[in-house]
Amino acid sequence: MARADFADLPRGNPCAQCGRPISMPEWIEAGPQRTAYLWHCHACDYRFEAIAYFDDAAEEPIAA
């Protein structure tokens, strides 16, 4: 399973309601083949979730 490092976190995601950028997710939950991000816009107080799905084949080493 892919491991998300702090440097790999999504940043500057636009708010789904007002469009203002959000610096980083408020909560991250990793599961098999997916990572869920909870975003909170402090400008309009809107909260929403975005989920990234990962392909198993992408984790296989590439043969030289």
N, C-alpha and C. Protein backbone atom coordinates (compact mmCIF):
# COMPACT_ATOMS: atom_id res chain seq x y z
N MET A 1 0.84 -1.19 0.00
CA MET A 1 0.00 0.00 0.00
C MET A 1 0.88 1.24 0.00
N ALA A 2 0.49 2.23 -0.76
CA ALA A 2 1.24 3.48 -0.83
C ALA A 2 1.11 4.22 0.50
N ARG A 3 2.21 4.77 0.95
CA ARG A 3 2.21 5.51 2.21
C ARG A 3 2.35 6.99 1.91
N ALA A 4 1.47 7.79 2.48
CA ALA A 4 1.51 9.23 2.26
C ALA A 4 2.44 9.87 3.29
N ASP A 5 3.45 10.57 2.83
CA ASP A 5 4.32 11.34 3.70
C ASP A 5 3.74 12.73 3.87
N PHE A 6 4.19 13.43 4.90
CA PHE A 6 3.68 14.78 5.15
C PHE A 6 3.91 15.67 3.94
N ALA A 7 5.03 15.49 3.26
CA ALA A 7 5.34 16.31 2.08
C ALA A 7 4.42 15.98 0.91
N ASP A 8 3.80 14.81 0.92
CA ASP A 8 2.92 14.38 -0.17
C ASP A 8 1.46 14.81 0.02
N LEU A 9 1.15 15.48 1.12
CA LEU A 9 -0.24 15.88 1.36
C LEU A 9 -0.71 16.88 0.32
N PRO A 10 -1.97 16.76 -0.08
CA PRO A 10 -2.50 17.77 -1.00
C PRO A 10 -2.60 19.12 -0.29
N ARG A 11 -2.28 20.16 -1.00
CA ARG A 11 -2.32 21.52 -0.43
C ARG A 11 -2.99 22.46 -1.42
N GLY A 12 -3.65 23.47 -0.89
CA GLY A 12 -4.26 24.48 -1.74
C GLY A 12 -5.50 24.00 -2.47
N ASN A 13 -6.14 22.95 -1.97
CA ASN A 13 -7.36 22.45 -2.60
C ASN A 13 -8.44 23.52 -2.49
N PRO A 14 -9.15 23.82 -3.58
CA PRO A 14 -10.20 24.85 -3.49
C PRO A 14 -11.42 24.35 -2.73
N CYS A 15 -12.04 25.23 -1.98
CA CYS A 15 -13.26 24.91 -1.25
C CYS A 15 -14.35 24.56 -2.27
N ALA A 16 -15.12 23.51 -1.98
CA ALA A 16 -16.18 23.07 -2.88
C ALA A 16 -17.36 24.04 -2.89
N GLN A 17 -17.41 24.95 -1.93
CA GLN A 17 -18.53 25.90 -1.88
C GLN A 17 -18.13 27.30 -2.35
N CYS A 18 -17.06 27.87 -1.78
CA CYS A 18 -16.71 29.25 -2.12
C CYS A 18 -15.49 29.36 -3.03
N GLY A 19 -14.72 28.28 -3.20
CA GLY A 19 -13.59 28.28 -4.11
C GLY A 19 -12.27 28.78 -3.53
N ARG A 20 -12.28 29.25 -2.29
CA ARG A 20 -11.02 29.73 -1.70
C ARG A 20 -10.11 28.55 -1.40
N PRO A 21 -8.80 28.71 -1.56
CA PRO A 21 -7.88 27.59 -1.31
C PRO A 21 -7.81 27.24 0.18
N ILE A 22 -7.72 25.94 0.45
CA ILE A 22 -7.57 25.43 1.82
C ILE A 22 -6.14 24.90 1.92
N SER A 23 -5.42 25.33 2.93
CA SER A 23 -3.99 25.03 3.00
C SER A 23 -3.67 23.55 3.10
N MET A 24 -4.43 22.80 3.89
CA MET A 24 -4.20 21.35 4.00
C MET A 24 -5.43 20.68 4.61
N PRO A 25 -5.57 19.37 4.42
CA PRO A 25 -6.74 18.68 4.97
C PRO A 25 -6.74 18.70 6.50
N GLU A 26 -7.95 18.69 7.05
CA GLU A 26 -8.11 18.68 8.50
C GLU A 26 -7.94 17.27 9.06
N TRP A 27 -8.30 16.26 8.27
CA TRP A 27 -8.24 14.87 8.72
C TRP A 27 -7.89 14.00 7.53
N ILE A 28 -7.08 12.96 7.75
CA ILE A 28 -6.71 12.02 6.69
C ILE A 28 -6.95 10.62 7.21
N GLU A 29 -7.60 9.81 6.40
CA GLU A 29 -7.85 8.42 6.78
C GLU A 29 -7.45 7.52 5.62
N ALA A 30 -6.43 6.72 5.84
CA ALA A 30 -5.93 5.82 4.79
C ALA A 30 -6.56 4.45 4.96
N GLY A 31 -6.92 3.86 3.85
CA GLY A 31 -7.48 2.52 3.82
C GLY A 31 -6.88 1.76 2.66
N PRO A 32 -7.30 0.52 2.48
CA PRO A 32 -6.76 -0.24 1.36
C PRO A 32 -7.18 0.38 0.03
N GLN A 33 -6.23 0.75 -0.76
CA GLN A 33 -6.41 1.30 -2.10
C GLN A 33 -7.10 2.66 -2.13
N ARG A 34 -7.18 3.36 -0.99
CA ARG A 34 -7.80 4.68 -1.00
C ARG A 34 -7.31 5.50 0.18
N THR A 35 -7.39 6.82 0.04
CA THR A 35 -7.14 7.75 1.13
C THR A 35 -8.23 8.80 1.10
N ALA A 36 -8.86 9.03 2.25
CA ALA A 36 -9.92 10.03 2.36
C ALA A 36 -9.37 11.26 3.07
N TYR A 37 -9.76 12.42 2.56
CA TYR A 37 -9.32 13.70 3.12
C TYR A 37 -10.55 14.50 3.53
N LEU A 38 -10.56 15.01 4.76
CA LEU A 38 -11.62 15.90 5.22
C LEU A 38 -11.09 17.32 5.15
N TRP A 39 -11.78 18.16 4.38
CA TRP A 39 -11.38 19.55 4.21
C TRP A 39 -12.35 20.45 4.97
N HIS A 40 -11.82 21.52 5.55
CA HIS A 40 -12.62 22.50 6.28
C HIS A 40 -12.20 23.89 5.83
N CYS A 41 -13.12 24.59 5.21
CA CYS A 41 -12.86 25.96 4.76
C CYS A 41 -13.19 26.91 5.91
N HIS A 42 -12.19 27.63 6.38
CA HIS A 42 -12.41 28.57 7.48
C HIS A 42 -13.04 29.87 7.00
N ALA A 43 -13.01 30.11 5.68
CA ALA A 43 -13.62 31.33 5.13
C ALA A 43 -15.15 31.25 5.17
N CYS A 44 -15.72 30.08 4.80
CA CYS A 44 -17.18 29.96 4.76
C CYS A 44 -17.70 28.86 5.68
N ASP A 45 -16.81 28.19 6.42
CA ASP A 45 -17.14 27.14 7.39
C ASP A 45 -17.76 25.90 6.73
N TYR A 46 -17.44 25.66 5.46
CA TYR A 46 -17.94 24.48 4.76
C TYR A 46 -16.97 23.33 4.95
N ARG A 47 -17.49 22.12 5.13
CA ARG A 47 -16.67 20.92 5.27
C ARG A 47 -17.07 19.93 4.18
N PHE A 48 -16.07 19.27 3.61
CA PHE A 48 -16.36 18.26 2.60
C PHE A 48 -15.24 17.23 2.58
N GLU A 49 -15.54 16.07 1.99
CA GLU A 49 -14.59 14.98 1.92
C GLU A 49 -14.21 14.72 0.46
N ALA A 50 -12.95 14.41 0.25
CA ALA A 50 -12.46 14.00 -1.07
C ALA A 50 -11.73 12.67 -0.88
N ILE A 51 -11.92 11.76 -1.80
CA ILE A 51 -11.30 10.44 -1.69
C ILE A 51 -10.43 10.18 -2.91
N ALA A 52 -9.20 9.75 -2.67
CA ALA A 52 -8.28 9.36 -3.73
C ALA A 52 -8.21 7.85 -3.75
N TYR A 53 -8.41 7.26 -4.93
CA TYR A 53 -8.34 5.81 -5.10
C TYR A 53 -7.04 5.47 -5.82
N PHE A 54 -6.38 4.39 -5.37
CA PHE A 54 -5.11 3.97 -5.93
C PHE A 54 -5.24 2.61 -6.60
N ASP A 55 -4.52 2.44 -7.68
CA ASP A 55 -4.52 1.19 -8.43
C ASP A 55 -3.44 0.28 -7.87
N ASP A 56 -3.76 -1.00 -7.66
CA ASP A 56 -2.77 -1.96 -7.15
C ASP A 56 -1.58 -2.08 -8.09
N ALA A 57 -1.82 -2.03 -9.38
CA ALA A 57 -0.74 -2.20 -10.36
C ALA A 57 0.32 -1.10 -10.23
N ALA A 58 -0.07 0.07 -9.76
CA ALA A 58 0.87 1.17 -9.61
C ALA A 58 1.90 0.90 -8.52
N GLU A 59 1.61 -0.02 -7.61
CA GLU A 59 2.54 -0.31 -6.52
C GLU A 59 3.58 -1.36 -6.90
N GLU A 60 3.40 -2.04 -8.00
CA GLU A 60 4.33 -3.07 -8.43
C GLU A 60 5.62 -2.41 -8.92
N PRO A 61 6.77 -2.99 -8.61
CA PRO A 61 8.00 -2.42 -9.12
C PRO A 61 8.07 -2.53 -10.64
N ILE A 62 8.68 -1.55 -11.25
CA ILE A 62 8.81 -1.53 -12.71
C ILE A 62 10.09 -2.28 -13.08
N ALA A 63 9.97 -3.24 -13.97
CA ALA A 63 11.14 -4.02 -14.40
C ALA A 63 11.99 -3.16 -15.33
N ALA A 64 13.31 -3.29 -15.17
CA ALA A 64 14.23 -2.51 -16.01
C ALA A 64 14.49 -3.19 -17.32
